[in-house]
Amino acid sequence: MNADQRDIRGVLEQVGAIVLGKERQIRLCLSCLLARGHLLLEDIPGVGKTTLAHALAKTLGLSFQRIQFTSDLLPADVLGVSIFERESGQFRFQRGPIFAQLVLADEINRAPPKAQSALLEAMEEQQITIDANTYELPDPFFVVATQNPQDQAGTFPLPDSQLDRFLMRVHLGFPAQEVERELLNGVDRRDLLQTLLPSMDASRLVGLQRSVQSIHVSPALLDYVQALVAYTRRPGGFKQGLSPRAAIGLLRAARAWTLLEGRDAVLPDDVRAVLDAVVEHRIGPREDGVRGSARLLEAVAIP
């Protein structure tokens, strides 16, 4: 086992000890971060979305800020604000919570679109612009957002431009019965969070991200990814086709999953493993109600 695999296993084991019974979801979340993507956790309240974000930040050794999105949240509450200092006669920019390596946008769809839009430039360009001044954000920089189901009261749907900036959307779901029994008998997960120590630091995480970029992709694998993307763009059936940005994100996510699997070349199974998390929130269900990713896997043959 090489150094990359040891570090990855350490992260998966430590986060898995906090969020029980969600091995696949944790692997998807780590793949998203290794692919330099932003992550959307969608599910009902109380299944561990916020706990998972905290555990990832602590285990990866990242600076962390939590922003509680509410109906009265303003962009300045996220980005920061310029304050006039009487002594100097000048404005001084006071940085907001966006200036952290991992930012938790908690219940992002409880804030109105104006507040949601404060994240757009940050997520796309890793910078923000205030009063014609541009400020660079930390490196690495991730937004992990939690979202309640849209049929719940008091939620605002995320616009497509915002959704497309999340590389993955992951659902946690209810725990299995034996896992829930362990949660009932065990220590409060919030108390366990306080005991976590970093398994790596930010520089090591950046090194793993570089390893993702070096994973080999064959021409046949590229043909498969292009075939999947092209199928979503056919007239009718899907809400909208996958954009070039989504196609690039799908390939990055598959490379990251390959690294987690301990291989150095992407297989079609790696693409299929991340497909649902990467594309479902972009293309939506087909007109017949079938999940878009499931229909893709059936319709597009592996080369």
C-alpha atoms as a PDB file:
ATOM      1  CA  MET A   1       0.000   0.000   0.000  1.00  0.00           C
ATOM      2  CA  ASN A   2       1.528   3.322  -1.070  1.00  0.00           C
ATOM      3  CA  ALA A   3       1.391   6.613   0.843  1.00  0.00           C
ATOM      4  CA  ASP A   4      -1.666   7.874  -1.067  1.00  0.00           C
ATOM      5  CA  GLN A   5      -3.658   4.773  -0.205  1.00  0.00           C
ATOM      6  CA  ARG A   6      -2.631   4.899   3.467  1.00  0.00           C
ATOM      7  CA  ASP A   7      -3.735   8.509   3.766  1.00  0.00           C
ATOM      8  CA  ILE A   8      -7.021   7.857   1.958  1.00  0.00           C
ATOM      9  CA  ARG A   9      -7.792   4.825   4.111  1.00  0.00           C
ATOM     10  CA  GLY A  10      -7.088   6.861   7.242  1.00  0.00           C
ATOM     11  CA  VAL A  11      -9.564   9.538   6.187  1.00  0.00           C
ATOM     12  CA  LEU A  12     -12.272   7.034   5.251  1.00  0.00           C
ATOM     13  CA  GLU A  13     -11.888   5.120   8.511  1.00  0.00           C
ATOM     14  CA  GLN A  14     -11.945   8.215  10.716  1.00  0.00           C
ATOM     15  CA  VAL A  15     -14.963   9.806   9.043  1.00  0.00           C
ATOM     16  CA  GLY A  16     -16.690   6.409   8.922  1.00  0.00           C
ATOM     17  CA  ALA A  17     -16.304   6.113  12.691  1.00  0.00           C
ATOM     18  CA  ILE A  18     -18.348   9.303  13.073  1.00  0.00           C
ATOM     19  CA  VAL A  19     -20.956   8.821  10.336  1.00  0.00           C
ATOM     20  CA  LEU A  20     -21.862   5.160  10.677  1.00  0.00           C
ATOM     21  CA  GLY A  21     -23.069   2.890   7.918  1.00  0.00           C
ATOM     22  CA  LYS A  22     -22.516   5.355   5.076  1.00  0.00           C
ATOM     23  CA  GLU A  23     -19.317   4.051   3.504  1.00  0.00           C
ATOM     24  CA  ARG A  24     -20.354   4.645  -0.101  1.00  0.00           C
ATOM     25  CA  GLN A  25     -21.608   8.172   0.593  1.00  0.00           C
ATOM     26  CA  ILE A  26     -18.377   9.037   2.418  1.00  0.00           C
ATOM     27  CA  ARG A  27     -16.337   7.734  -0.526  1.00  0.00           C
ATOM     28  CA  LEU A  28     -18.392   9.874  -2.898  1.00  0.00           C
ATOM     29  CA  CYS A  29     -17.865  12.945  -0.712  1.00  0.00           C
ATOM     30  CA  LEU A  30     -14.110  12.388  -0.514  1.00  0.00           C
ATOM     31  CA  SER A  31     -13.988  11.802  -4.282  1.00  0.00           C
ATOM     32  CA  CYS A  32     -15.731  15.130  -4.775  1.00  0.00           C
ATOM     33  CA  LEU A  33     -13.161  17.000  -2.685  1.00  0.00           C
ATOM     34  CA  LEU A  34     -10.212  15.195  -4.291  1.00  0.00           C
ATOM     35  CA  ALA A  35     -11.607  16.236  -7.673  1.00  0.00           C
ATOM     36  CA  ARG A  36     -11.604  19.867  -6.467  1.00  0.00           C
ATOM     37  CA  GLY A  37     -15.388  19.993  -6.561  1.00  0.00           C
ATOM     38  CA  HIS A  38     -18.066  21.451  -4.324  1.00  0.00           C
ATOM     39  CA  LEU A  39     -20.496  19.139  -2.561  1.00  0.00           C
ATOM     40  CA  LEU A  40     -24.259  19.307  -1.991  1.00  0.00           C
ATOM     41  CA  LEU A  41     -25.694  17.057   0.736  1.00  0.00           C
ATOM     42  CA  GLU A  42     -29.459  16.751   0.329  1.00  0.00           C
ATOM     43  CA  ASP A  43     -31.753  14.961   2.755  1.00  0.00           C
ATOM     44  CA  ILE A  44     -34.255  15.492   5.529  1.00  0.00           C
ATOM     45  CA  PRO A  45     -33.009  17.132   8.747  1.00  0.00           C
ATOM     46  CA  GLY A  46     -31.360  14.902  11.317  1.00  0.00           C
ATOM     47  CA  VAL A  47     -29.594  12.250   9.224  1.00  0.00           C
ATOM     48  CA  GLY A  48     -26.055  13.571   9.756  1.00  0.00           C
ATOM     49  CA  LYS A  49     -25.363  16.002   6.905  1.00  0.00           C
ATOM     50  CA  THR A  50     -23.795  18.688   9.094  1.00  0.00           C
ATOM     51  CA  THR A  51     -21.896  16.110  11.149  1.00  0.00           C
ATOM     52  CA  LEU A  52     -20.390  14.679   7.953  1.00  0.00           C
ATOM     53  CA  ALA A  53     -19.211  18.133   6.831  1.00  0.00           C
ATOM     54  CA  HIS A  54     -17.607  18.782  10.251  1.00  0.00           C
ATOM     55  CA  ALA A  55     -15.907  15.371  10.216  1.00  0.00           C
ATOM     56  CA  LEU A  56     -14.449  15.947   6.738  1.00  0.00           C
ATOM     57  CA  ALA A  57     -13.062  19.363   7.691  1.00  0.00           C
ATOM     58  CA  LYS A  58     -11.438  18.088  10.888  1.00  0.00           C
ATOM     59  CA  THR A  59     -10.046  14.921   9.355  1.00  0.00           C
ATOM     60  CA  LEU A  60      -8.584  16.742   6.345  1.00  0.00           C
ATOM     61  CA  GLY A  61      -7.045  19.456   8.538  1.00  0.00           C
ATOM     62  CA  LEU A  62      -8.917  22.308   6.840  1.00  0.00           C
ATOM     63  CA  SER A  63      -9.915  25.664   8.311  1.00  0.00           C
ATOM     64  CA  PHE A  64     -13.686  25.616   8.746  1.00  0.00           C
ATOM     65  CA  GLN A  65     -16.542  28.102   8.837  1.00  0.00           C
ATOM     66  CA  ARG A  66     -20.259  27.404   9.093  1.00  0.00           C
ATOM     67  CA  ILE A  67     -22.849  29.765   7.643  1.00  0.00           C
ATOM     68  CA  GLN A  68     -26.456  29.187   8.678  1.00  0.00           C
ATOM     69  CA  PHE A  69     -28.562  30.157   5.677  1.00  0.00           C
ATOM     70  CA  THR A  70     -31.807  31.807   6.753  1.00  0.00           C
ATOM     71  CA  SER A  71     -34.504  33.862   5.063  1.00  0.00           C
ATOM     72  CA  ASP A  72     -32.940  37.156   6.241  1.00  0.00           C
ATOM     73  CA  LEU A  73     -29.342  36.328   5.265  1.00  0.00           C
ATOM     74  CA  LEU A  74     -27.596  38.997   3.178  1.00  0.00           C
ATOM     75  CA  PRO A  75     -24.650  38.552   0.769  1.00  0.00           C
ATOM     76  CA  ALA A  76     -22.518  40.698   3.096  1.00  0.00           C
ATOM     77  CA  ASP A  77     -23.117  38.146   5.861  1.00  0.00           C
ATOM     78  CA  VAL A  78     -21.343  35.598   3.656  1.00  0.00           C
ATOM     79  CA  LEU A  79     -18.688  37.617   1.839  1.00  0.00           C
ATOM     80  CA  GLY A  80     -17.839  40.428   4.253  1.00  0.00           C
ATOM     81  CA  VAL A  81     -18.316  44.178   4.268  1.00  0.00           C
ATOM     82  CA  SER A  82     -16.300  47.375   3.900  1.00  0.00           C
ATOM     83  CA  ILE A  83     -16.244  49.418   7.116  1.00  0.00           C
ATOM     84  CA  PHE A  84     -15.336  53.102   7.247  1.00  0.00           C
ATOM     85  CA  GLU A  85     -12.659  53.855   9.839  1.00  0.00           C
ATOM     86  CA  ARG A  86     -12.910  57.413  11.096  1.00  0.00           C
ATOM     87  CA  GLU A  87      -9.316  57.485  12.362  1.00  0.00           C
ATOM     88  CA  SER A  88      -7.751  56.712   8.984  1.00  0.00           C
ATOM     89  CA  GLY A  89     -10.523  58.158   6.835  1.00  0.00           C
ATOM     90  CA  GLN A  90     -10.505  54.975   4.749  1.00  0.00           C
ATOM     91  CA  PHE A  91     -12.624  51.905   4.235  1.00  0.00           C
ATOM     92  CA  ARG A  92     -11.349  48.583   5.570  1.00  0.00           C
ATOM     93  CA  PHE A  93     -12.672  45.288   4.275  1.00  0.00           C
ATOM     94  CA  GLN A  94     -13.791  42.944   7.033  1.00  0.00           C
ATOM     95  CA  ARG A  95     -13.695  39.415   5.712  1.00  0.00           C
ATOM     96  CA  GLY A  96     -16.747  37.212   6.004  1.00  0.00           C
ATOM     97  CA  PRO A  97     -16.936  33.492   6.772  1.00  0.00           C
ATOM     98  CA  ILE A  98     -16.380  32.622   3.096  1.00  0.00           C
ATOM     99  CA  PHE A  99     -12.640  32.966   3.795  1.00  0.00           C
ATOM    100  CA  ALA A 100     -12.065  29.392   4.967  1.00  0.00           C
ATOM    101  CA  GLN A 101     -10.812  26.250   3.263  1.00  0.00           C
ATOM    102  CA  LEU A 102     -14.067  24.404   3.877  1.00  0.00           C
ATOM    103  CA  VAL A 103     -17.234  26.460   4.140  1.00  0.00           C
ATOM    104  CA  LEU A 104     -20.420  24.758   5.310  1.00  0.00           C
ATOM    105  CA  ALA A 105     -23.461  26.449   3.777  1.00  0.00           C
ATOM    106  CA  ASP A 106     -25.999  24.928   6.139  1.00  0.00           C
ATOM    107  CA  GLU A 107     -29.566  24.609   4.804  1.00  0.00           C
ATOM    108  CA  ILE A 108     -28.624  26.633   1.734  1.00  0.00           C
ATOM    109  CA  ASN A 109     -32.117  26.501   0.252  1.00  0.00           C
ATOM    110  CA  ARG A 110     -33.677  28.262   3.249  1.00  0.00           C
ATOM    111  CA  ALA A 111     -32.099  31.519   2.058  1.00  0.00           C
ATOM    112  CA  PRO A 112     -33.546  33.547  -0.846  1.00  0.00           C
ATOM    113  CA  PRO A 113     -31.813  33.588  -4.260  1.00  0.00           C
ATOM    114  CA  LYS A 114     -30.007  36.873  -3.540  1.00  0.00           C
ATOM    115  CA  ALA A 115     -28.148  35.317  -0.618  1.00  0.00           C
ATOM    116  CA  GLN A 116     -27.524  32.084  -2.531  1.00  0.00           C
ATOM    117  CA  SER A 117     -25.939  34.068  -5.374  1.00  0.00           C
ATOM    118  CA  ALA A 118     -23.192  35.307  -3.029  1.00  0.00           C
ATOM    119  CA  LEU A 119     -21.507  31.929  -3.525  1.00  0.00           C
ATOM    120  CA  LEU A 120     -21.478  31.892  -7.332  1.00  0.00           C
ATOM    121  CA  GLU A 121     -18.209  33.711  -8.017  1.00  0.00           C
ATOM    122  CA  ALA A 122     -16.481  32.045  -5.063  1.00  0.00           C
ATOM    123  CA  MET A 123     -17.397  28.535  -6.229  1.00  0.00           C
ATOM    124  CA  GLU A 124     -16.451  29.136  -9.847  1.00  0.00           C
ATOM    125  CA  GLU A 125     -13.345  31.325  -9.620  1.00  0.00           C
ATOM    126  CA  GLN A 126     -12.118  30.895  -6.012  1.00  0.00           C
ATOM    127  CA  GLN A 127     -12.338  34.640  -5.464  1.00  0.00           C
ATOM    128  CA  ILE A 128     -14.883  37.296  -4.558  1.00  0.00           C
ATOM    129  CA  THR A 129     -15.334  40.876  -5.747  1.00  0.00           C
ATOM    130  CA  ILE A 130     -16.443  43.593  -3.332  1.00  0.00           C
ATOM    131  CA  ASP A 131     -16.576  47.293  -4.267  1.00  0.00           C
ATOM    132  CA  ALA A 132     -14.518  46.637  -7.418  1.00  0.00           C
ATOM    133  CA  ASN A 133     -11.797  44.929  -5.350  1.00  0.00           C
ATOM    134  CA  THR A 134     -10.990  41.243  -5.873  1.00  0.00           C
ATOM    135  CA  TYR A 135      -9.990  39.017  -2.970  1.00  0.00           C
ATOM    136  CA  GLU A 136      -8.499  35.544  -3.406  1.00  0.00           C
ATOM    137  CA  LEU A 137      -9.948  32.710  -1.339  1.00  0.00           C
ATOM    138  CA  PRO A 138      -7.830  30.054   0.431  1.00  0.00           C
ATOM    139  CA  ASP A 139      -6.414  27.060  -1.400  1.00  0.00           C
ATOM    140  CA  PRO A 140      -7.843  24.496  -1.262  1.00  0.00           C
ATOM    141  CA  PHE A 141     -11.362  25.931  -1.142  1.00  0.00           C
ATOM    142  CA  PHE A 142     -14.545  23.885  -0.883  1.00  0.00           C
ATOM    143  CA  VAL A 143     -18.197  24.674  -0.342  1.00  0.00           C
ATOM    144  CA  VAL A 144     -20.135  21.866   1.309  1.00  0.00           C
ATOM    145  CA  ALA A 145     -23.815  22.778   1.337  1.00  0.00           C
ATOM    146  CA  THR A 146     -26.684  20.990   3.020  1.00  0.00           C
ATOM    147  CA  GLN A 147     -30.151  21.182   1.571  1.00  0.00           C
ATOM    148  CA  ASN A 148     -33.554  20.088   2.792  1.00  0.00           C
ATOM    149  CA  PRO A 149     -35.946  18.446   0.316  1.00  0.00           C
ATOM    150  CA  GLN A 150     -37.683  21.089  -1.769  1.00  0.00           C
ATOM    151  CA  ASP A 151     -41.146  19.952  -0.717  1.00  0.00           C
ATOM    152  CA  GLN A 152     -40.468  21.093   2.850  1.00  0.00           C
ATOM    153  CA  ALA A 153     -41.900  24.417   4.006  1.00  0.00           C
ATOM    154  CA  GLY A 154     -39.694  27.503   3.893  1.00  0.00           C
ATOM    155  CA  THR A 155     -37.333  26.387   1.124  1.00  0.00           C
ATOM    156  CA  PHE A 156     -36.254  28.217  -2.045  1.00  0.00           C
ATOM    157  CA  PRO A 157     -35.200  26.056  -5.009  1.00  0.00           C
ATOM    158  CA  LEU A 158     -31.588  26.464  -6.077  1.00  0.00           C
ATOM    159  CA  PRO A 159     -31.320  27.928  -9.598  1.00  0.00           C
ATOM    160  CA  ASP A 160     -29.719  25.757 -12.265  1.00  0.00           C
ATOM    161  CA  SER A 161     -26.631  27.983 -12.373  1.00  0.00           C
ATOM    162  CA  GLN A 162     -26.081  27.343  -8.649  1.00  0.00           C
ATOM    163  CA  LEU A 163     -26.761  23.603  -8.878  1.00  0.00           C
ATOM    164  CA  ASP A 164     -24.296  23.235 -11.753  1.00  0.00           C
ATOM    165  CA  ARG A 165     -21.482  24.560  -9.559  1.00  0.00           C
ATOM    166  CA  PHE A 166     -21.839  21.582  -7.243  1.00  0.00           C
ATOM    167  CA  LEU A 167     -19.825  18.717  -8.680  1.00  0.00           C
ATOM    168  CA  MET A 168     -21.858  16.175  -6.705  1.00  0.00           C
ATOM    169  CA  ARG A 169     -25.159  15.883  -4.899  1.00  0.00           C
ATOM    170  CA  VAL A 170     -25.183  13.085  -2.321  1.00  0.00           C
ATOM    171  CA  HIS A 171     -28.127  11.698  -0.329  1.00  0.00           C
ATOM    172  CA  LEU A 172     -27.407  10.098   3.047  1.00  0.00           C
ATOM    173  CA  GLY A 173     -30.725   8.379   3.723  1.00  0.00           C
ATOM    174  CA  PHE A 174     -31.899   6.701   6.914  1.00  0.00           C
ATOM    175  CA  PRO A 175     -29.431   4.414   8.731  1.00  0.00           C
ATOM    176  CA  ALA A 176     -29.863   0.663   8.679  1.00  0.00           C
ATOM    177  CA  GLN A 177     -31.579  -0.783  11.751  1.00  0.00           C
ATOM    178  CA  GLU A 178     -28.399  -2.203  13.299  1.00  0.00           C
ATOM    179  CA  VAL A 179     -26.556   1.070  12.685  1.00  0.00           C
ATOM    180  CA  GLU A 180     -29.344   3.081  14.280  1.00  0.00           C
ATOM    181  CA  ARG A 181     -29.207   0.775  17.302  1.00  0.00           C
ATOM    182  CA  GLU A 182     -25.484   1.507  17.618  1.00  0.00           C
ATOM    183  CA  LEU A 183     -26.221   5.246  17.422  1.00  0.00           C
ATOM    184  CA  LEU A 184     -28.817   4.914  20.191  1.00  0.00           C
ATOM    185  CA  ASN A 185     -26.448   3.006  22.452  1.00  0.00           C
ATOM    186  CA  GLY A 186     -23.289   4.948  21.635  1.00  0.00           C
ATOM    187  CA  VAL A 187     -21.696   8.289  22.351  1.00  0.00           C
ATOM    188  CA  ASP A 188     -23.255  11.445  20.896  1.00  0.00           C
ATOM    189  CA  ARG A 189     -21.626  12.058  17.489  1.00  0.00           C
ATOM    190  CA  ARG A 190     -21.122  15.749  18.337  1.00  0.00           C
ATOM    191  CA  ASP A 191     -19.015  14.723  21.324  1.00  0.00           C
ATOM    192  CA  LEU A 192     -16.969  12.401  19.123  1.00  0.00           C
ATOM    193  CA  LEU A 193     -16.324  15.246  16.691  1.00  0.00           C
ATOM    194  CA  GLN A 194     -14.500  17.137  19.415  1.00  0.00           C
ATOM    195  CA  THR A 195     -12.014  14.275  19.755  1.00  0.00           C
ATOM    196  CA  LEU A 196     -11.041  14.130  16.068  1.00  0.00           C
ATOM    197  CA  LEU A 197      -7.480  14.911  15.065  1.00  0.00           C
ATOM    198  CA  PRO A 198      -6.410  15.678  11.471  1.00  0.00           C
ATOM    199  CA  SER A 199      -5.329  12.678   9.401  1.00  0.00           C
ATOM    200  CA  MET A 200      -3.561  15.032   6.996  1.00  0.00           C
ATOM    201  CA  ASP A 201      -3.104  18.718   6.333  1.00  0.00           C
ATOM    202  CA  ALA A 202      -4.130  20.988   3.478  1.00  0.00           C
ATOM    203  CA  SER A 203      -0.835  20.595   1.623  1.00  0.00           C
ATOM    204  CA  ARG A 204      -1.173  16.795   1.656  1.00  0.00           C
ATOM    205  CA  LEU A 205      -4.727  17.116   0.339  1.00  0.00           C
ATOM    206  CA  VAL A 206      -3.452  19.260  -2.523  1.00  0.00           C
ATOM    207  CA  GLY A 207      -0.887  16.539  -3.239  1.00  0.00           C
ATOM    208  CA  LEU A 208      -3.667  13.951  -3.498  1.00  0.00           C
ATOM    209  CA  GLN A 209      -5.551  16.245  -5.853  1.00  0.00           C
ATOM    210  CA  ARG A 210      -2.471  16.305  -8.089  1.00  0.00           C
ATOM    211  CA  SER A 211      -2.437  12.510  -7.982  1.00  0.00           C
ATOM    212  CA  VAL A 212      -6.016  12.540  -9.263  1.00  0.00           C
ATOM    213  CA  GLN A 213      -4.945  14.587 -12.276  1.00  0.00           C
ATOM    214  CA  SER A 214      -2.303  11.995 -13.167  1.00  0.00           C
ATOM    215  CA  ILE A 215      -4.786   9.084 -13.334  1.00  0.00           C
ATOM    216  CA  HIS A 216      -4.750   7.690 -16.894  1.00  0.00           C
ATOM    217  CA  VAL A 217      -7.818   7.976 -19.138  1.00  0.00           C
ATOM    218  CA  SER A 218      -7.876   5.912 -22.325  1.00  0.00           C
ATOM    219  CA  PRO A 219      -9.420   7.091 -25.629  1.00  0.00           C
ATOM    220  CA  ALA A 220     -12.099   4.391 -25.277  1.00  0.00           C
ATOM    221  CA  LEU A 221     -13.032   5.733 -21.823  1.00  0.00           C
ATOM    222  CA  LEU A 222     -13.320   9.239 -23.270  1.00  0.00           C
ATOM    223  CA  ASP A 223     -15.613   7.798 -25.957  1.00  0.00           C
ATOM    224  CA  TYR A 224     -17.820   6.390 -23.199  1.00  0.00           C
ATOM    225  CA  VAL A 225     -18.010   9.695 -21.306  1.00  0.00           C
ATOM    226  CA  GLN A 226     -18.815  11.582 -24.520  1.00  0.00           C
ATOM    227  CA  ALA A 227     -21.506   9.058 -25.409  1.00  0.00           C
ATOM    228  CA  LEU A 228     -23.151   9.524 -21.996  1.00  0.00           C
ATOM    229  CA  VAL A 229     -23.065  13.290 -22.341  1.00  0.00           C
ATOM    230  CA  ALA A 230     -24.354  13.231 -25.924  1.00  0.00           C
ATOM    231  CA  TYR A 231     -27.314  11.069 -24.924  1.00  0.00           C
ATOM    232  CA  THR A 232     -28.493  13.654 -22.403  1.00  0.00           C
ATOM    233  CA  ARG A 233     -28.552  16.295 -25.153  1.00  0.00           C
ATOM    234  CA  ARG A 234     -31.024  14.459 -27.370  1.00  0.00           C
ATOM    235  CA  PRO A 235     -34.317  16.300 -27.888  1.00  0.00           C
ATOM    236  CA  GLY A 236     -36.920  15.377 -25.284  1.00  0.00           C
ATOM    237  CA  GLY A 237     -36.604  13.181 -22.248  1.00  0.00           C
ATOM    238  CA  PHE A 238     -34.383  15.266 -19.964  1.00  0.00           C
ATOM    239  CA  LYS A 239     -34.859  18.703 -18.455  1.00  0.00           C
ATOM    240  CA  GLN A 240     -31.561  19.749 -20.028  1.00  0.00           C
ATOM    241  CA  GLY A 241     -28.417  18.172 -21.379  1.00  0.00           C
ATOM    242  CA  LEU A 242     -25.095  18.007 -19.599  1.00  0.00           C
ATOM    243  CA  SER A 243     -22.839  21.021 -20.159  1.00  0.00           C
ATOM    244  CA  PRO A 244     -19.130  20.765 -21.020  1.00  0.00           C
ATOM    245  CA  ARG A 245     -18.413  21.754 -17.411  1.00  0.00           C
ATOM    246  CA  ALA A 246     -20.491  18.790 -16.235  1.00  0.00           C
ATOM    247  CA  ALA A 247     -18.655  16.451 -18.613  1.00  0.00           C
ATOM    248  CA  ILE A 248     -15.276  17.620 -17.309  1.00  0.00           C
ATOM    249  CA  GLY A 249     -16.561  17.224 -13.750  1.00  0.00           C
ATOM    250  CA  LEU A 250     -17.755  13.677 -14.443  1.00  0.00           C
ATOM    251  CA  LEU A 251     -14.296  12.710 -15.692  1.00  0.00           C
ATOM    252  CA  ARG A 252     -12.570  14.367 -12.700  1.00  0.00           C
ATOM    253  CA  ALA A 253     -14.884  12.573 -10.292  1.00  0.00           C
ATOM    254  CA  ALA A 254     -14.247   9.231 -12.000  1.00  0.00           C
ATOM    255  CA  ARG A 255     -10.490   9.822 -11.729  1.00  0.00           C
ATOM    256  CA  ALA A 256     -10.853  10.559  -8.014  1.00  0.00           C
ATOM    257  CA  TRP A 257     -12.911   7.395  -7.495  1.00  0.00           C
ATOM    258  CA  THR A 258     -10.185   5.451  -9.320  1.00  0.00           C
ATOM    259  CA  LEU A 259      -7.595   6.819  -6.888  1.00  0.00           C
ATOM    260  CA  LEU A 260      -9.743   5.698  -3.956  1.00  0.00           C
ATOM    261  CA  GLU A 261      -9.888   2.242  -5.529  1.00  0.00           C
ATOM    262  CA  GLY A 262      -6.079   2.112  -5.673  1.00  0.00           C
ATOM    263  CA  ARG A 263      -5.758   1.951  -9.466  1.00  0.00           C
ATOM    264  CA  ASP A 264      -3.936   4.187 -11.942  1.00  0.00           C
ATOM    265  CA  ALA A 265      -6.340   4.065 -14.908  1.00  0.00           C
ATOM    266  CA  VAL A 266     -10.065   4.861 -15.086  1.00  0.00           C
ATOM    267  CA  LEU A 267     -12.471   2.020 -15.883  1.00  0.00           C
ATOM    268  CA  PRO A 268     -16.085   2.354 -17.054  1.00  0.00           C
ATOM    269  CA  ASP A 269     -17.156   1.089 -13.613  1.00  0.00           C
ATOM    270  CA  ASP A 270     -15.536   4.173 -12.064  1.00  0.00           C
ATOM    271  CA  VAL A 271     -17.640   6.431 -14.263  1.00  0.00           C
ATOM    272  CA  ARG A 272     -20.755   4.444 -13.401  1.00  0.00           C
ATOM    273  CA  ALA A 273     -19.948   4.638  -9.669  1.00  0.00           C
ATOM    274  CA  VAL A 274     -20.057   8.450  -9.605  1.00  0.00           C
ATOM    275  CA  LEU A 275     -22.591   9.049 -12.390  1.00  0.00           C
ATOM    276  CA  ASP A 276     -25.687   9.433 -10.237  1.00  0.00           C
ATOM    277  CA  ALA A 277     -24.054  11.901  -7.834  1.00  0.00           C
ATOM    278  CA  VAL A 278     -22.624  14.002 -10.665  1.00  0.00           C
ATOM    279  CA  VAL A 279     -25.480  14.170 -13.178  1.00  0.00           C
ATOM    280  CA  GLU A 280     -28.821  13.638 -11.416  1.00  0.00           C
ATOM    281  CA  HIS A 281     -29.149  17.193 -10.074  1.00  0.00           C
ATOM    282  CA  ARG A 282     -28.263  18.556 -13.509  1.00  0.00           C
ATOM    283  CA  ILE A 283     -30.511  16.564 -15.845  1.00  0.00           C
ATOM    284  CA  GLY A 284     -33.375  15.698 -13.503  1.00  0.00           C
ATOM    285  CA  PRO A 285     -35.752  12.755 -14.047  1.00  0.00           C
ATOM    286  CA  ARG A 286     -37.025  11.841 -17.500  1.00  0.00           C
ATOM    287  CA  GLU A 287     -40.563  12.668 -18.498  1.00  0.00           C
ATOM    288  CA  ASP A 288     -41.556   9.100 -17.615  1.00  0.00           C
ATOM    289  CA  GLY A 289     -40.272   9.615 -14.045  1.00  0.00           C
ATOM    290  CA  VAL A 290     -37.267   7.269 -14.370  1.00  0.00           C
ATOM    291  CA  ARG A 291     -34.086   8.579 -12.777  1.00  0.00           C
ATOM    292  CA  GLY A 292     -31.947  10.147 -15.472  1.00  0.00           C
ATOM    293  CA  SER A 293     -28.730   8.421 -14.436  1.00  0.00           C
ATOM    294  CA  ALA A 294     -30.409   5.000 -14.410  1.00  0.00           C
ATOM    295  CA  ARG A 295     -31.724   5.578 -17.913  1.00  0.00           C
ATOM    296  CA  LEU A 296     -28.266   6.665 -19.076  1.00  0.00           C
ATOM    297  CA  LEU A 297     -26.640   3.505 -17.784  1.00  0.00           C
ATOM    298  CA  GLU A 298     -29.225   1.386 -19.608  1.00  0.00           C
ATOM    299  CA  ALA A 299     -29.113   3.329 -22.864  1.00  0.00           C
ATOM    300  CA  VAL A 300     -25.376   3.854 -23.391  1.00  0.00           C
ATOM    301  CA  ALA A 301     -23.300   0.740 -23.914  1.00  0.00           C
ATOM    302  CA  ILE A 302     -19.798   0.387 -22.487  1.00  0.00           C
ATOM    303  CA  PRO A 303     -17.249   0.393 -25.339  1.00  0.00           C
END
